[in-house]
Full PDB file with SEQRES, HELIX, SHEET, SSBOND, CRYST1, ORIGX, SCALE, CONECT and MASTER records, all heavy atoms in Angstrom:
SEQRES   1 A   41  VAL HIS LEU GLY ASP MET ALA PRO GLU LEU HIS ALA GLN          
SEQRES   2 A   41  LEU ALA THR PRO LEU MET GLU THR GLY VAL ALA HIS VAL          
SEQRES   3 A   41  LEU THR HIS GLY GLU GLU MET PHE PHE LEU ARG GLU LYS          
SEQRES   4 A   41  LEU PRO                                                      
HELIX    1 AA1 GLY A    4  MET A    6  5                                   3    
HELIX    2 AA2 ALA A    7  ALA A   12  1                                   6    
HELIX    3 AA3 ALA A   15  MET A   19  1                                   5    
HELIX    4 AA4 MET A   33  ARG A   37  1                                   5    
CRYST1    1.000    1.000    1.000  90.00  90.00  90.00 P 1           1          
ORIGX1      1.000000  0.000000  0.000000        0.00000                         
ORIGX2      0.000000  1.000000  0.000000        0.00000                         
ORIGX3      0.000000  0.000000  1.000000        0.00000                         
SCALE1      1.000000  0.000000  0.000000        0.00000                         
SCALE2      0.000000  1.000000  0.000000        0.00000                         
SCALE3      0.000000  0.000000  1.000000        0.00000                         
ATOM      1  N   VAL A   1    -121.841  69.170-268.847  1.00  0.00           N  
ATOM      2  CA  VAL A   1    -121.131  69.748-269.994  1.00  0.00           C  
ATOM      3  C   VAL A   1    -121.581  71.177-270.267  1.00  0.00           C  
ATOM      4  O   VAL A   1    -122.606  71.637-269.759  1.00  0.00           O  
ATOM      5  CB  VAL A   1    -121.321  68.892-271.266  1.00  0.00           C  
ATOM      6  CG1 VAL A   1    -120.699  67.523-271.077  1.00  0.00           C  
ATOM      7  CG2 VAL A   1    -122.778  68.775-271.655  1.00  0.00           C  
ATOM      8  N   HIS A   2    -120.794  71.875-271.061  1.00  0.00           N  
ATOM      9  CA  HIS A   2    -121.100  73.210-271.567  1.00  0.00           C  
ATOM     10  C   HIS A   2    -121.273  74.273-270.490  1.00  0.00           C  
ATOM     11  O   HIS A   2    -122.131  75.140-270.596  1.00  0.00           O  
ATOM     12  CB  HIS A   2    -122.334  73.173-272.474  1.00  0.00           C  
ATOM     13  CG  HIS A   2    -122.193  72.256-273.628  1.00  0.00           C  
ATOM     14  ND1 HIS A   2    -121.177  72.360-274.544  1.00  0.00           N  
ATOM     15  CD2 HIS A   2    -122.919  71.184-274.007  1.00  0.00           C  
ATOM     16  CE1 HIS A   2    -121.288  71.409-275.443  1.00  0.00           C  
ATOM     17  NE2 HIS A   2    -122.328  70.671-275.135  1.00  0.00           N  
ATOM     18  N   LEU A   3    -120.439  74.210-269.464  1.00  0.00           N  
ATOM     19  CA  LEU A   3    -120.489  75.230-268.422  1.00  0.00           C  
ATOM     20  C   LEU A   3    -119.408  76.297-268.606  1.00  0.00           C  
ATOM     21  O   LEU A   3    -119.427  77.311-267.909  1.00  0.00           O  
ATOM     22  CB  LEU A   3    -120.341  74.594-267.040  1.00  0.00           C  
ATOM     23  CG  LEU A   3    -121.474  73.674-266.608  1.00  0.00           C  
ATOM     24  CD1 LEU A   3    -121.172  73.075-265.244  1.00  0.00           C  
ATOM     25  CD2 LEU A   3    -122.813  74.404-266.592  1.00  0.00           C  
ATOM     26  N   GLY A   4    -118.476  76.037-269.508  1.00  0.00           N  
ATOM     27  CA  GLY A   4    -117.424  77.008-269.784  1.00  0.00           C  
ATOM     28  C   GLY A   4    -116.633  77.357-268.539  1.00  0.00           C  
ATOM     29  O   GLY A   4    -116.258  76.487-267.751  1.00  0.00           O  
ATOM     30  N   ASP A   5    -116.394  78.651-268.337  1.00  0.00           N  
ATOM     31  CA  ASP A   5    -115.605  79.131-267.206  1.00  0.00           C  
ATOM     32  C   ASP A   5    -116.275  78.875-265.855  1.00  0.00           C  
ATOM     33  O   ASP A   5    -115.629  78.952-264.811  1.00  0.00           O  
ATOM     34  CB  ASP A   5    -115.332  80.628-267.338  1.00  0.00           C  
ATOM     35  CG  ASP A   5    -114.431  80.958-268.522  1.00  0.00           C  
ATOM     36  OD1 ASP A   5    -113.736  80.042-269.014  1.00  0.00           O  
ATOM     37  OD2 ASP A   5    -114.424  82.126-268.948  1.00  0.00           O  
ATOM     38  N   MET A   6    -117.566  78.573-265.878  1.00  0.00           N  
ATOM     39  CA  MET A   6    -118.296  78.323-264.626  1.00  0.00           C  
ATOM     40  C   MET A   6    -118.168  76.874-264.147  1.00  0.00           C  
ATOM     41  O   MET A   6    -118.613  76.543-263.048  1.00  0.00           O  
ATOM     42  CB  MET A   6    -119.779  78.667-264.814  1.00  0.00           C  
ATOM     43  CG  MET A   6    -120.047  80.142-265.079  1.00  0.00           C  
ATOM     44  SD  MET A   6    -119.589  81.180-263.675  1.00  0.00           S  
ATOM     45  CE  MET A   6    -120.756  80.639-262.462  1.00  0.00           C  
ATOM     46  N   ALA A   7    -117.566  75.996-264.945  1.00  0.00           N  
ATOM     47  CA  ALA A   7    -117.489  74.564-264.600  1.00  0.00           C  
ATOM     48  C   ALA A   7    -116.872  74.314-263.226  1.00  0.00           C  
ATOM     49  O   ALA A   7    -117.449  73.546-262.431  1.00  0.00           O  
ATOM     50  CB  ALA A   7    -116.754  73.795-265.689  1.00  0.00           C  
ATOM     51  N   PRO A   8    -115.722  74.910-262.899  1.00  0.00           N  
ATOM     52  CA  PRO A   8    -115.149  74.622-261.578  1.00  0.00           C  
ATOM     53  C   PRO A   8    -116.093  74.978-260.429  1.00  0.00           C  
ATOM     54  O   PRO A   8    -116.339  74.159-259.535  1.00  0.00           O  
ATOM     55  CB  PRO A   8    -113.883  75.480-261.544  1.00  0.00           C  
ATOM     56  CG  PRO A   8    -113.503  75.661-262.976  1.00  0.00           C  
ATOM     57  CD  PRO A   8    -114.814  75.747-263.713  1.00  0.00           C  
ATOM     58  N   GLU A   9    -116.637  76.170-260.463  1.00  0.00           N  
ATOM     59  CA  GLU A   9    -117.501  76.636-259.376  1.00  0.00           C  
ATOM     60  C   GLU A   9    -118.791  75.828-259.282  1.00  0.00           C  
ATOM     61  O   GLU A   9    -119.202  75.416-258.189  1.00  0.00           O  
ATOM     62  CB  GLU A   9    -117.830  78.114-259.582  1.00  0.00           C  
ATOM     63  CG  GLU A   9    -118.743  78.689-258.537  1.00  0.00           C  
ATOM     64  CD  GLU A   9    -119.103  80.140-258.795  1.00  0.00           C  
ATOM     65  OE1 GLU A   9    -118.461  80.793-259.652  1.00  0.00           O  
ATOM     66  OE2 GLU A   9    -120.027  80.621-258.141  1.00  0.00           O  
ATOM     67  N   LEU A  10    -119.437  75.583-260.410  1.00  0.00           N  
ATOM     68  CA  LEU A  10    -120.723  74.891-260.377  1.00  0.00           C  
ATOM     69  C   LEU A  10    -120.586  73.421-259.988  1.00  0.00           C  
ATOM     70  O   LEU A  10    -121.438  72.891-259.267  1.00  0.00           O  
ATOM     71  CB  LEU A  10    -121.438  75.044-261.716  1.00  0.00           C  
ATOM     72  CG  LEU A  10    -121.887  76.483-262.019  1.00  0.00           C  
ATOM     73  CD1 LEU A  10    -122.457  76.597-263.416  1.00  0.00           C  
ATOM     74  CD2 LEU A  10    -122.892  76.972-260.978  1.00  0.00           C  
ATOM     75  N   HIS A  11    -119.526  72.759-260.419  1.00  0.00           N  
ATOM     76  CA  HIS A  11    -119.311  71.381-259.978  1.00  0.00           C  
ATOM     77  C   HIS A  11    -119.007  71.336-258.484  1.00  0.00           C  
ATOM     78  O   HIS A  11    -119.519  70.475-257.758  1.00  0.00           O  
ATOM     79  CB  HIS A  11    -118.189  70.712-260.790  1.00  0.00           C  
ATOM     80  CG  HIS A  11    -118.637  70.229-262.129  1.00  0.00           C  
ATOM     81  ND1 HIS A  11    -118.646  71.052-263.238  1.00  0.00           N  
ATOM     82  CD2 HIS A  11    -119.089  69.023-262.538  1.00  0.00           C  
ATOM     83  CE1 HIS A  11    -119.093  70.363-264.274  1.00  0.00           C  
ATOM     84  NE2 HIS A  11    -119.363  69.124-263.875  1.00  0.00           N  
ATOM     85  N   ALA A  12    -118.190  72.252-258.000  1.00  0.00           N  
ATOM     86  CA  ALA A  12    -117.834  72.298-256.575  1.00  0.00           C  
ATOM     87  C   ALA A  12    -119.063  72.565-255.705  1.00  0.00           C  
ATOM     88  O   ALA A  12    -119.182  72.016-254.604  1.00  0.00           O  
ATOM     89  CB  ALA A  12    -116.769  73.360-256.335  1.00  0.00           C  
ATOM     90  N   GLN A  13    -119.993  73.381-256.194  1.00  0.00           N  
ATOM     91  CA  GLN A  13    -121.187  73.722-255.421  1.00  0.00           C  
ATOM     92  C   GLN A  13    -122.140  72.540-255.240  1.00  0.00           C  
ATOM     93  O   GLN A  13    -123.063  72.605-254.430  1.00  0.00           O  
ATOM     94  CB  GLN A  13    -121.928  74.889-256.070  1.00  0.00           C  
ATOM     95  CG  GLN A  13    -121.228  76.207-255.903  1.00  0.00           C  
ATOM     96  CD  GLN A  13    -121.950  77.350-256.593  1.00  0.00           C  
ATOM     97  OE1 GLN A  13    -122.999  77.185-257.223  1.00  0.00           O  
ATOM     98  NE2 GLN A  13    -121.383  78.544-256.485  1.00  0.00           N  
ATOM     99  N   LEU A  14    -121.917  71.459-255.939  1.00  0.00           N  
ATOM    100  CA  LEU A  14    -122.759  70.272-255.778  1.00  0.00           C  
ATOM    101  C   LEU A  14    -122.432  69.498-254.504  1.00  0.00           C  
ATOM    102  O   LEU A  14    -123.201  68.649-254.067  1.00  0.00           O  
ATOM    103  CB  LEU A  14    -122.597  69.340-256.983  1.00  0.00           C  
ATOM    104  CG  LEU A  14    -123.050  69.876-258.338  1.00  0.00           C  
ATOM    105  CD1 LEU A  14    -122.668  68.898-259.441  1.00  0.00           C  
ATOM    106  CD2 LEU A  14    -124.555  70.143-258.340  1.00  0.00           C  
ATOM    107  N   ALA A  15    -121.296  69.785-253.887  1.00  0.00           N  
ATOM    108  CA  ALA A  15    -120.824  68.991-252.752  1.00  0.00           C  
ATOM    109  C   ALA A  15    -121.799  68.996-251.572  1.00  0.00           C  
ATOM    110  O   ALA A  15    -122.164  67.928-251.064  1.00  0.00           O  
ATOM    111  CB  ALA A  15    -119.444  69.468-252.312  1.00  0.00           C  
ATOM    112  N   THR A  16    -122.208  70.151-251.119  1.00  0.00           N  
ATOM    113  CA  THR A  16    -123.083  70.213-249.949  1.00  0.00           C  
ATOM    114  C   THR A  16    -124.415  69.517-250.195  1.00  0.00           C  
ATOM    115  O   THR A  16    -124.818  68.672-249.384  1.00  0.00           O  
ATOM    116  CB  THR A  16    -123.274  71.667-249.486  1.00  0.00           C  
ATOM    117  OG1 THR A  16    -121.995  72.193-249.116  1.00  0.00           O  
ATOM    118  CG2 THR A  16    -124.235  71.757-248.308  1.00  0.00           C  
ATOM    119  N   PRO A  17    -125.119  69.802-251.305  1.00  0.00           N  
ATOM    120  CA  PRO A  17    -126.373  69.076-251.538  1.00  0.00           C  
ATOM    121  C   PRO A  17    -126.160  67.560-251.656  1.00  0.00           C  
ATOM    122  O   PRO A  17    -127.000  66.782-251.203  1.00  0.00           O  
ATOM    123  CB  PRO A  17    -126.907  69.652-252.850  1.00  0.00           C  
ATOM    124  CG  PRO A  17    -126.208  70.942-253.038  1.00  0.00           C  
ATOM    125  CD  PRO A  17    -124.904  70.847-252.318  1.00  0.00           C  
ATOM    126  N   LEU A  18    -125.039  67.136-252.223  1.00  0.00           N  
ATOM    127  CA  LEU A  18    -124.768  65.702-252.327  1.00  0.00           C  
ATOM    128  C   LEU A  18    -124.560  65.094-250.945  1.00  0.00           C  
ATOM    129  O   LEU A  18    -125.105  64.028-250.641  1.00  0.00           O  
ATOM    130  CB  LEU A  18    -123.545  65.459-253.218  1.00  0.00           C  
ATOM    131  CG  LEU A  18    -123.109  64.008-253.377  1.00  0.00           C  
ATOM    132  CD1 LEU A  18    -124.220  63.152-254.002  1.00  0.00           C  
ATOM    133  CD2 LEU A  18    -121.842  63.932-254.227  1.00  0.00           C  
ATOM    134  N   MET A  19    -123.809  65.755-250.092  1.00  0.00           N  
ATOM    135  CA  MET A  19    -123.560  65.230-248.747  1.00  0.00           C  
ATOM    136  C   MET A  19    -124.851  65.130-247.934  1.00  0.00           C  
ATOM    137  O   MET A  19    -124.978  64.273-247.065  1.00  0.00           O  
ATOM    138  CB  MET A  19    -122.529  66.092-248.023  1.00  0.00           C  
ATOM    139  CG  MET A  19    -121.134  65.914-248.573  1.00  0.00           C  
ATOM    140  SD  MET A  19    -119.868  66.792-247.628  1.00  0.00           S  
ATOM    141  CE  MET A  19    -120.106  68.481-248.177  1.00  0.00           C  
ATOM    142  N   GLU A  20    -125.824  65.978-248.226  1.00  0.00           N  
ATOM    143  CA  GLU A  20    -127.099  65.970-247.503  1.00  0.00           C  
ATOM    144  C   GLU A  20    -127.993  64.799-247.876  1.00  0.00           C  
ATOM    145  O   GLU A  20    -129.014  64.568-247.238  1.00  0.00           O  
ATOM    146  CB  GLU A  20    -127.823  67.292-247.730  1.00  0.00           C  
ATOM    147  CG  GLU A  20    -127.115  68.471-247.075  1.00  0.00           C  
ATOM    148  CD  GLU A  20    -127.688  69.824-247.463  1.00  0.00           C  
ATOM    149  OE1 GLU A  20    -128.543  69.899-248.377  1.00  0.00           O  
ATOM    150  OE2 GLU A  20    -127.260  70.822-246.857  1.00  0.00           O  
ATOM    151  N   THR A  21    -127.622  64.022-248.894  1.00  0.00           N  
ATOM    152  CA  THR A  21    -128.440  62.884-249.340  1.00  0.00           C  
ATOM    153  C   THR A  21    -128.254  61.647-248.480  1.00  0.00           C  
ATOM    154  O   THR A  21    -129.036  60.712-248.581  1.00  0.00           O  
ATOM    155  CB  THR A  21    -128.105  62.495-250.792  1.00  0.00           C  
ATOM    156  OG1 THR A  21    -126.772  61.960-250.841  1.00  0.00           O  
ATOM    157  CG2 THR A  21    -128.270  63.654-251.748  1.00  0.00           C  
ATOM    158  N   GLY A  22    -127.182  61.608-247.684  1.00  0.00           N  
ATOM    159  CA  GLY A  22    -126.859  60.397-246.946  1.00  0.00           C  
ATOM    160  C   GLY A  22    -126.031  59.421-247.760  1.00  0.00           C  
ATOM    161  O   GLY A  22    -125.891  58.263-247.383  1.00  0.00           O  
ATOM    162  N   VAL A  23    -125.469  59.896-248.861  1.00  0.00           N  
ATOM    163  CA  VAL A  23    -124.660  59.031-249.717  1.00  0.00           C  
ATOM    164  C   VAL A  23    -123.423  58.559-248.953  1.00  0.00           C  
ATOM    165  O   VAL A  23    -122.804  59.319-248.212  1.00  0.00           O  
ATOM    166  CB  VAL A  23    -124.278  59.751-251.035  1.00  0.00           C  
ATOM    167  CG1 VAL A  23    -123.298  60.875-250.817  1.00  0.00           C  
ATOM    168  CG2 VAL A  23    -123.745  58.770-252.069  1.00  0.00           C  
ATOM    169  N   ALA A  24    -123.102  57.280-249.142  1.00  0.00           N  
ATOM    170  CA  ALA A  24    -121.955  56.689-248.454  1.00  0.00           C  
ATOM    171  C   ALA A  24    -120.715  56.634-249.325  1.00  0.00           C  
ATOM    172  O   ALA A  24    -119.597  56.631-248.812  1.00  0.00           O  
ATOM    173  CB  ALA A  24    -122.307  55.270-247.996  1.00  0.00           C  
ATOM    174  N   HIS A  25    -120.902  56.583-250.641  1.00  0.00           N  
ATOM    175  CA  HIS A  25    -119.781  56.338-251.548  1.00  0.00           C  
ATOM    176  C   HIS A  25    -120.058  57.054-252.865  1.00  0.00           C  
ATOM    177  O   HIS A  25    -121.149  56.918-253.419  1.00  0.00           O  
ATOM    178  CB  HIS A  25    -119.666  54.824-251.770  1.00  0.00           C  
ATOM    179  CG  HIS A  25    -118.361  54.367-252.310  1.00  0.00           C  
ATOM    180  ND1 HIS A  25    -117.183  54.426-251.593  1.00  0.00           N  
ATOM    181  CD2 HIS A  25    -118.033  53.812-253.496  1.00  0.00           C  
ATOM    182  CE1 HIS A  25    -116.202  53.917-252.322  1.00  0.00           C  
ATOM    183  NE2 HIS A  25    -116.686  53.547-253.475  1.00  0.00           N  
ATOM    184  N   VAL A  26    -119.078  57.802-253.357  1.00  0.00           N  
ATOM    185  CA  VAL A  26    -119.238  58.576-254.586  1.00  0.00           C  
ATOM    186  C   VAL A  26    -118.155  58.171-255.586  1.00  0.00           C  
ATOM    187  O   VAL A  26    -116.966  58.214-255.278  1.00  0.00           O  
ATOM    188  CB  VAL A  26    -119.130  60.098-254.312  1.00  0.00           C  
ATOM    189  CG1 VAL A  26    -119.265  60.889-255.611  1.00  0.00           C  
ATOM    190  CG2 VAL A  26    -120.182  60.532-253.304  1.00  0.00           C  
ATOM    191  N   LEU A  27    -118.596  57.774-256.770  1.00  0.00           N  
ATOM    192  CA  LEU A  27    -117.704  57.503-257.893  1.00  0.00           C  
ATOM    193  C   LEU A  27    -117.904  58.612-258.903  1.00  0.00           C  
ATOM    194  O   LEU A  27    -119.040  59.061-259.123  1.00  0.00           O  
ATOM    195  CB  LEU A  27    -118.030  56.163-258.551  1.00  0.00           C  
ATOM    196  CG  LEU A  27    -118.046  54.942-257.648  1.00  0.00           C  
ATOM    197  CD1 LEU A  27    -118.504  53.722-258.426  1.00  0.00           C  
ATOM    198  CD2 LEU A  27    -116.696  54.715-257.035  1.00  0.00           C  
ATOM    199  N   THR A  28    -116.839  59.051-259.524  1.00  0.00           N  
ATOM    200  CA  THR A  28    -116.955  60.139-260.498  1.00  0.00           C  
ATOM    201  C   THR A  28    -116.360  59.723-261.834  1.00  0.00           C  
ATOM    202  O   THR A  28    -115.491  58.855-261.912  1.00  0.00           O  
ATOM    203  CB  THR A  28    -116.269  61.408-259.978  1.00  0.00           C  
ATOM    204  OG1 THR A  28    -114.915  61.109-259.607  1.00  0.00           O  
ATOM    205  CG2 THR A  28    -117.024  61.984-258.785  1.00  0.00           C  
ATOM    206  N   HIS A  29    -116.861  60.394-262.872  1.00  0.00           N  
ATOM    207  CA  HIS A  29    -116.483  60.112-264.258  1.00  0.00           C  
ATOM    208  C   HIS A  29    -116.413  61.445-264.994  1.00  0.00           C  
ATOM    209  O   HIS A  29    -117.370  62.207-264.987  1.00  0.00           O  
ATOM    210  CB  HIS A  29    -117.554  59.201-264.877  1.00  0.00           C  
ATOM    211  CG  HIS A  29    -117.341  58.859-266.310  1.00  0.00           C  
ATOM    212  ND1 HIS A  29    -117.660  59.717-267.332  1.00  0.00           N  
ATOM    213  CD2 HIS A  29    -116.862  57.739-266.906  1.00  0.00           C  
ATOM    214  CE1 HIS A  29    -117.385  59.134-268.485  1.00  0.00           C  
ATOM    215  NE2 HIS A  29    -116.897  57.942-268.252  1.00  0.00           N  
ATOM    216  N   GLY A  30    -115.294  61.724-265.593  1.00  0.00           N  
ATOM    217  CA  GLY A  30    -115.149  62.962-266.355  1.00  0.00           C  
ATOM    218  C   GLY A  30    -114.343  64.010-265.613  1.00  0.00           C  
ATOM    219  O   GLY A  30    -114.434  64.147-264.389  1.00  0.00           O  
ATOM    220  N   GLU A  31    -113.550  64.725-266.367  1.00  0.00           N  
ATOM    221  CA  GLU A  31    -112.570  65.671-265.813  1.00  0.00           C  
ATOM    222  C   GLU A  31    -113.181  66.717-264.880  1.00  0.00           C  
ATOM    223  O   GLU A  31    -112.607  67.051-263.843  1.00  0.00           O  
ATOM    224  CB  GLU A  31    -111.847  66.356-266.975  1.00  0.00           C  
ATOM    225  CG  GLU A  31    -110.717  67.239-266.549  1.00  0.00           C  
ATOM    226  CD  GLU A  31    -109.964  67.797-267.739  1.00  0.00           C  
ATOM    227  OE1 GLU A  31    -109.826  67.108-268.762  1.00  0.00           O  
ATOM    228  OE2 GLU A  31    -109.516  68.949-267.635  1.00  0.00           O  
ATOM    229  N   GLU A  32    -114.336  67.259-265.246  1.00  0.00           N  
ATOM    230  CA  GLU A  32    -114.926  68.332-264.446  1.00  0.00           C  
ATOM    231  C   GLU A  32    -115.304  67.880-263.041  1.00  0.00           C  
ATOM    232  O   GLU A  32    -115.439  68.693-262.130  1.00  0.00           O  
ATOM    233  CB  GLU A  32    -116.144  68.928-265.149  1.00  0.00           C  
ATOM    234  CG  GLU A  32    -115.825  69.688-266.412  1.00  0.00           C  
ATOM    235  CD  GLU A  32    -115.827  68.814-267.666  1.00  0.00           C  
ATOM    236  OE1 GLU A  32    -115.627  67.584-267.570  1.00  0.00           O  
ATOM    237  OE2 GLU A  32    -116.031  69.378-268.763  1.00  0.00           O  
ATOM    238  N   MET A  33    -115.485  66.590-262.844  1.00  0.00           N  
ATOM    239  CA  MET A  33    -115.890  66.085-261.533  1.00  0.00           C  
ATOM    240  C   MET A  33    -114.781  66.184-260.487  1.00  0.00           C  
ATOM    241  O   MET A  33    -115.036  66.048-259.304  1.00  0.00           O  
ATOM    242  CB  MET A  33    -116.405  64.654-261.648  1.00  0.00           C  
ATOM    243  CG  MET A  33    -117.700  64.542-262.453  1.00  0.00           C  
ATOM    244  SD  MET A  33    -118.985  65.708-261.948  1.00  0.00           S  
ATOM    245  CE  MET A  33    -119.610  64.914-260.500  1.00  0.00           C  
ATOM    246  N   PHE A  34    -113.547  66.474-260.915  1.00  0.00           N  
ATOM    247  CA  PHE A  34    -112.479  66.699-259.940  1.00  0.00           C  
ATOM    248  C   PHE A  34    -112.786  67.909-259.062  1.00  0.00           C  
ATOM    249  O   PHE A  34    -112.400  67.945-257.894  1.00  0.00           O  
ATOM    250  CB  PHE A  34    -111.123  66.879-260.628  1.00  0.00           C  
ATOM    251  CG  PHE A  34    -110.508  65.585-261.071  1.00  0.00           C  
ATOM    252  CD1 PHE A  34    -110.350  65.309-262.415  1.00  0.00           C  
ATOM    253  CD2 PHE A  34    -110.091  64.647-260.143  1.00  0.00           C  
ATOM    254  CE1 PHE A  34    -109.776  64.116-262.826  1.00  0.00           C  
ATOM    255  CE2 PHE A  34    -109.521  63.447-260.540  1.00  0.00           C  
ATOM    256  CZ  PHE A  34    -109.369  63.179-261.886  1.00  0.00           C  
ATOM    257  N   PHE A  35    -113.519  68.886-259.596  1.00  0.00           N  
ATOM    258  CA  PHE A  35    -113.877  70.070-258.806  1.00  0.00           C  
ATOM    259  C   PHE A  35    -114.832  69.697-257.675  1.00  0.00           C  
ATOM    260  O   PHE A  35    -114.759  70.257-256.575  1.00  0.00           O  
ATOM    261  CB  PHE A  35    -114.482  71.156-259.691  1.00  0.00           C  
ATOM    262  CG  PHE A  35    -113.566  71.599-260.791  1.00  0.00           C  
ATOM    263  CD1 PHE A  35    -113.874  71.347-262.119  1.00  0.00           C  
ATOM    264  CD2 PHE A  35    -112.374  72.248-260.502  1.00  0.00           C  
ATOM    265  CE1 PHE A  35    -113.023  71.747-263.141  1.00  0.00           C  
ATOM    266  CE2 PHE A  35    -111.512  72.647-261.514  1.00  0.00           C  
ATOM    267  CZ  PHE A  35    -111.838  72.399-262.838  1.00  0.00           C  
ATOM    268  N   LEU A  36    -115.742  68.754-257.925  1.00  0.00           N  
ATOM    269  CA  LEU A  36    -116.622  68.243-256.878  1.00  0.00           C  
ATOM    270  C   LEU A  36    -115.821  67.427-255.864  1.00  0.00           C  
ATOM    271  O   LEU A  36    -115.976  67.596-254.652  1.00  0.00           O  
ATOM    272  CB  LEU A  36    -117.730  67.383-257.493  1.00  0.00           C  
ATOM    273  CG  LEU A  36    -118.589  66.590-256.513  1.00  0.00           C  
ATOM    274  CD1 LEU A  36    -119.349  67.509-255.580  1.00  0.00           C  
ATOM    275  CD2 LEU A  36    -119.532  65.664-257.265  1.00  0.00           C  
ATOM    276  N   ARG A  37    -114.968  66.550-256.340  1.00  0.00           N  
ATOM    277  CA  ARG A  37    -114.187  65.680-255.464  1.00  0.00           C  
ATOM    278  C   ARG A  37    -113.375  66.473-254.441  1.00  0.00           C  
ATOM    279  O   ARG A  37    -113.230  66.041-253.299  1.00  0.00           O  
ATOM    280  CB  ARG A  37    -113.259  64.792-256.289  1.00  0.00           C  
ATOM    281  CG  ARG A  37    -113.976  63.775-257.151  1.00  0.00           C  
ATOM    282  CD  ARG A  37    -112.990  62.943-257.963  1.00  0.00           C  
ATOM    283  NE  ARG A  37    -112.207  62.065-257.101  1.00  0.00           N  
ATOM    284  CZ  ARG A  37    -112.600  60.873-256.662  1.00  0.00           C  
ATOM    285  NH1 ARG A  37    -113.785  60.404-257.004  1.00  0.00           N  
ATOM    286  NH2 ARG A  37    -111.814  60.150-255.892  1.00  0.00           N  
ATOM    287  N   GLU A  38    -112.867  67.627-254.844  1.00  0.00           N  
ATOM    288  CA  GLU A  38    -112.064  68.451-253.934  1.00  0.00           C  
ATOM    289  C   GLU A  38    -112.857  68.912-252.710  1.00  0.00           C  
ATOM    290  O   GLU A  38    -112.269  69.245-251.685  1.00  0.00           O  
ATOM    291  CB  GLU A  38    -111.525  69.677-254.675  1.00  0.00           C  
ATOM    292  CG  GLU A  38    -110.485  69.358-255.716  1.00  0.00           C  
ATOM    293  CD  GLU A  38    -110.084  70.569-256.536  1.00  0.00           C  
ATOM    294  OE1 GLU A  38    -110.667  71.665-256.350  1.00  0.00           O  
ATOM    295  OE2 GLU A  38    -109.191  70.423-257.384  1.00  0.00           O  
ATOM    296  N   LYS A  39    -114.168  68.937-252.814  1.00  0.00           N  
ATOM    297  CA  LYS A  39    -115.018  69.454-251.735  1.00  0.00           C  
ATOM    298  C   LYS A  39    -115.660  68.357-250.884  1.00  0.00           C  
ATOM    299  O   LYS A  39    -116.332  68.666-249.907  1.00  0.00           O  
ATOM    300  CB  LYS A  39    -116.135  70.330-252.330  1.00  0.00           C  
ATOM    301  CG  LYS A  39    -115.632  71.514-253.124  1.00  0.00           C  
ATOM    302  CD  LYS A  39    -114.913  72.492-252.236  1.00  0.00           C  
ATOM    303  CE  LYS A  39    -114.474  73.719-253.018  1.00  0.00           C  
ATOM    304  NZ  LYS A  39    -113.733  74.645-252.196  1.00  0.00           N  
ATOM    305  N   LEU A  40    -115.473  67.103-251.262  1.00  0.00           N  
ATOM    306  CA  LEU A  40    -116.105  66.005-250.531  1.00  0.00           C  
ATOM    307  C   LEU A  40    -115.147  65.396-249.504  1.00  0.00           C  
ATOM    308  O   LEU A  40    -113.937  65.369-249.718  1.00  0.00           O  
ATOM    309  CB  LEU A  40    -116.556  64.915-251.511  1.00  0.00           C  
ATOM    310  CG  LEU A  40    -117.666  65.309-252.477  1.00  0.00           C  
ATOM    311  CD1 LEU A  40    -117.915  64.188-253.483  1.00  0.00           C  
ATOM    312  CD2 LEU A  40    -118.951  65.658-251.735  1.00  0.00           C  
ATOM    313  N   PRO A  41    -115.703  64.866-248.412  1.00  0.00           N  
ATOM    314  CA  PRO A  41    -114.851  64.188-247.422  1.00  0.00           C  
ATOM    315  C   PRO A  41    -114.178  62.966-248.052  1.00  0.00           C  
ATOM    316  O   PRO A  41    -114.789  62.246-248.844  1.00  0.00           O  
ATOM    317  CB  PRO A  41    -115.835  63.751-246.332  1.00  0.00           C  
ATOM    318  CG  PRO A  41    -117.096  64.488-246.581  1.00  0.00           C  
ATOM    319  CD  PRO A  41    -117.108  64.885-248.014  1.00  0.00           C  
TER     320      PRO A  41                                                      
MASTER        0    0    0    4    0    0    0    6  319    1    0    4          
END                                                                             
């Protein structure tokens, strides 16, 4: 929360570090997480 105009970019930038964890399945909650989802396989 409270990222203002930076929300799209900062949520999207989480994709690469998340993929490096070995995570198999990602569930998201909240509107801003759509920016992350766009960058994930």
